[in-house]
Amino acid sequence: MDSRSQAPYKSSSFSPATTRDDGGSRTREVDRNFSLGTLRDKRDVPHGGSREQSIKEEDEQEEGDHGARGGGGGEGPDSGAGGGGEPDLAPLSAEVDAFLAGKDEDAPVSVTEATLERFASAVELLVARSEGVEDKWAAEAGGEPSALLDAITRIAALSSALGKSPEGGGKHAAAVNRVTAVLHRAMAFLEEEFHGLLEDPRVPKTGGGEQGGAHEPDRCVLAPPPASDGGSGKESAPPYPAETVDRLRAMADAMVATGYVTECSQMFLVARRNAFDATLQGLGYEKSNIDDVVKMTWEALEAMIVTWTKAFRHAINVGLSTEHDLCTRVFAGRHAAVGRGIFADLSRCVMLHMLSFTEAVAMTKRAAEKLFKVLDMYEAVRDASPVIEAFLSADEPAAAEHHSHHSGLAELKSEIAAVRSRLGESAAAIFRELESSIRADAGKQPVPGGAVHPLTRYVMNYLKYACEYNSTLEQVFREHHHGNGDDSNPFAAQLMEVMELLHGNLETKSRLYKDPSLSNIFLMNNGRYMLQKIRGSPETNAMLGEAWARKQSTNLRQYHKNYQREAWSRVLGLLRDDGVLTVKGHVQKPVLKERFKQFNAAMDEIHRTQGAWVVSDEQLQSELRVSIAAVVVPAYRSFLGRFAQHFSAGRQTEKYVKLSAEDVETIIDELFDGNATSMTRRRT
């Protein structure tokens, strides 16, 4: 079994390459998995001198055979070996280059079998000696490719040229097979090196320099964003040092040019997909299937959505840009299309899997509390569209030539649009669930003391948070509005509808109170709470508008007037001289006594009942007390001034004139604090 097939993530077989015989008149198949014969065994020799010695001995044996075939052992055209020792790569490379140049120019330049054999051996020896050497990929002076890459590229070009040459299928068939076998060995070695460099992005040693990063053996991942940026940071450390990228590019050039584009692409794609997944895991994102998501409690799912949103934004804003840049740098120039294809595949694989999580969330039972997390997901997906569009635009010039690469990103763009639509529809439906909840809340038990109803608190706080997403919800309702379509802001219209529903619900609930005064206290409490919440939220205030606030203030004033009329008109009537207290200038003492008794009883009843009523807003509570006192206390003080003197001092006065004006003021100041006490208990 070819040792190359044991390397992780790599293809175990290669598609055959087609060469031509007889000037192109027919084709023959050259199997890239050509049997290497004894070379396979030599590949298993330990690194070092024994491997090199084996190759050297084989070279010497071949040299003897060539000499015998050549008729006498004199130096032939392969004498570039330096006198029968190891083959010298430089002069052999020059001969191969001349042959290749002649092929390109259709010049009649041939190449000997001996040259082919010795060049193949020289390349194989160079590959064997390179195993375990860290700086084997270092570029030569002047930026030329490394000697190893140069040799591999040359033997690949030679193999291709021989497949189209008479030498390939005729007199040099054995040597051509030897070249092909060494090419396979070189490419298997190159694959392993390419894979290793992708997995371990340490900076290799440079001649005499420091081994930067050699203490960092970890697999390469995208740098996670700072904790403060919520995963949306725009910059990230490059996944590989510049020198490593240069070497990856040189290797990729050689592999793609030699026809190993599938193997090269697969290795690169798998390595970067693993790195991308590792980065997402570092951000806390774990893959999950739809069944698991649907069964989750909301608390667990909510936490997962927070993590997903952070990871998704990082993937879009940082991860894809990093990978696009890397693909562009590694697969540059004439191989740029390969890089575009890898990037499109990587983007589609990673993002489609992340987008599948939104499908699972959309399948869970709709509930009002899910709105805000669904909107977070909607915004993240919405913001991804221009990023993908930018990648598509960048690749637009090459899209016609490489439609499959372009369509990969186009498919992702289409899926993002579909997911955005589903999330938007889900968000709109969840918000409308709030309306259904208000309609369904028809409790038959009034809130004690006329306090703010729990429904009012819930709805107003919900709307406050919803209005923080006002632009997004406007967008959602514009896309998924079921109204007449004429609204300038469909979300504002939806918000107004909710407020009207809540107002109507509270009006209905106010009728649950038997005391009309308490009904008005209830409406005042809830109306004031609504107004305060809206005034305290600039977003909500802007959405509903000043006209709504003025209307609400008018309603509150009316509730206040209604309350005073219902609760205090009888008390004030007892303090008026309506022609019954005084007849022809004389005070009717029995009537006066009854008036004081009724007033005392009325104040006791008010203190006992309205003291138990609740006005939690301190400003409203103060306004109510002040307005009541401003009417009642002066009227009672005037009444006392006119009629208290008609009682005999002592027991009679104590029996009927039980309250001073200050006592009445104190009673009023103790209203609406939720404490039910009688005036008698208070005075004892």
Foldseek 3Di string as FASTA:
>chain_A
DQPLLVDPLFDPADDWDWFAADQRPDIDTDGLPQDLVCVSVLVPDDADDVSLVVLQVVLLVVLVVVCVVVPHSDDDPQCCCPHSGQRDQVVLLVLLVVVLVCLVVVHPRDDDLNSLQNLLSNLLSLLRNCVPPQCQQPADPPRHTGPNLVSLLSLLSSLRSLSSDNCCPPDNVVSSSSSSSSNSVSLSSLLVVLLVCLQAQFQTDDVVDDRHRPVPRHGFAWAADPPPPLQQDQDTDARHPPNSLVSLLSSQVSCVVSPNLVRNLSSNLVSHLVRLVVRLVVLVADQDDLVVLQPDDVVVNLVNLSSLLSSLNNCLRPVLVSLLVSLPSSQDDPRNVSSLQSSLVNCLVVVVSSLVVLVSVLPHDAALVCLVSLLSVLVSLVVSLVSLVVSLVVCVVCCVVPVVSSVSSVVVNVVSVVSSLSSLQSNVVSLVVLLVVLVPPQDLDADWQLAADPNLVVVLVSVLVVLVCQVSNQVSCQSVPPDPNPDPGVVLVVVVVSVVSNLVSLLNSLVSDPQLLSSLSNLLNSLVVNLVSCVVRPSSCVSPDPVVSVVSVVSNVVSLVSNCCRLPVVLLVLLDPPCPQAPPRRGDVVSVQVSLVVNLVSLQVCLQRQLQHARPPPVVLVVSLVVNLVPNLVSVQVSCVVPLVVFDPDPRSCVRVVDDSVRSSVSSNSGRHNDRDGPVVVVD
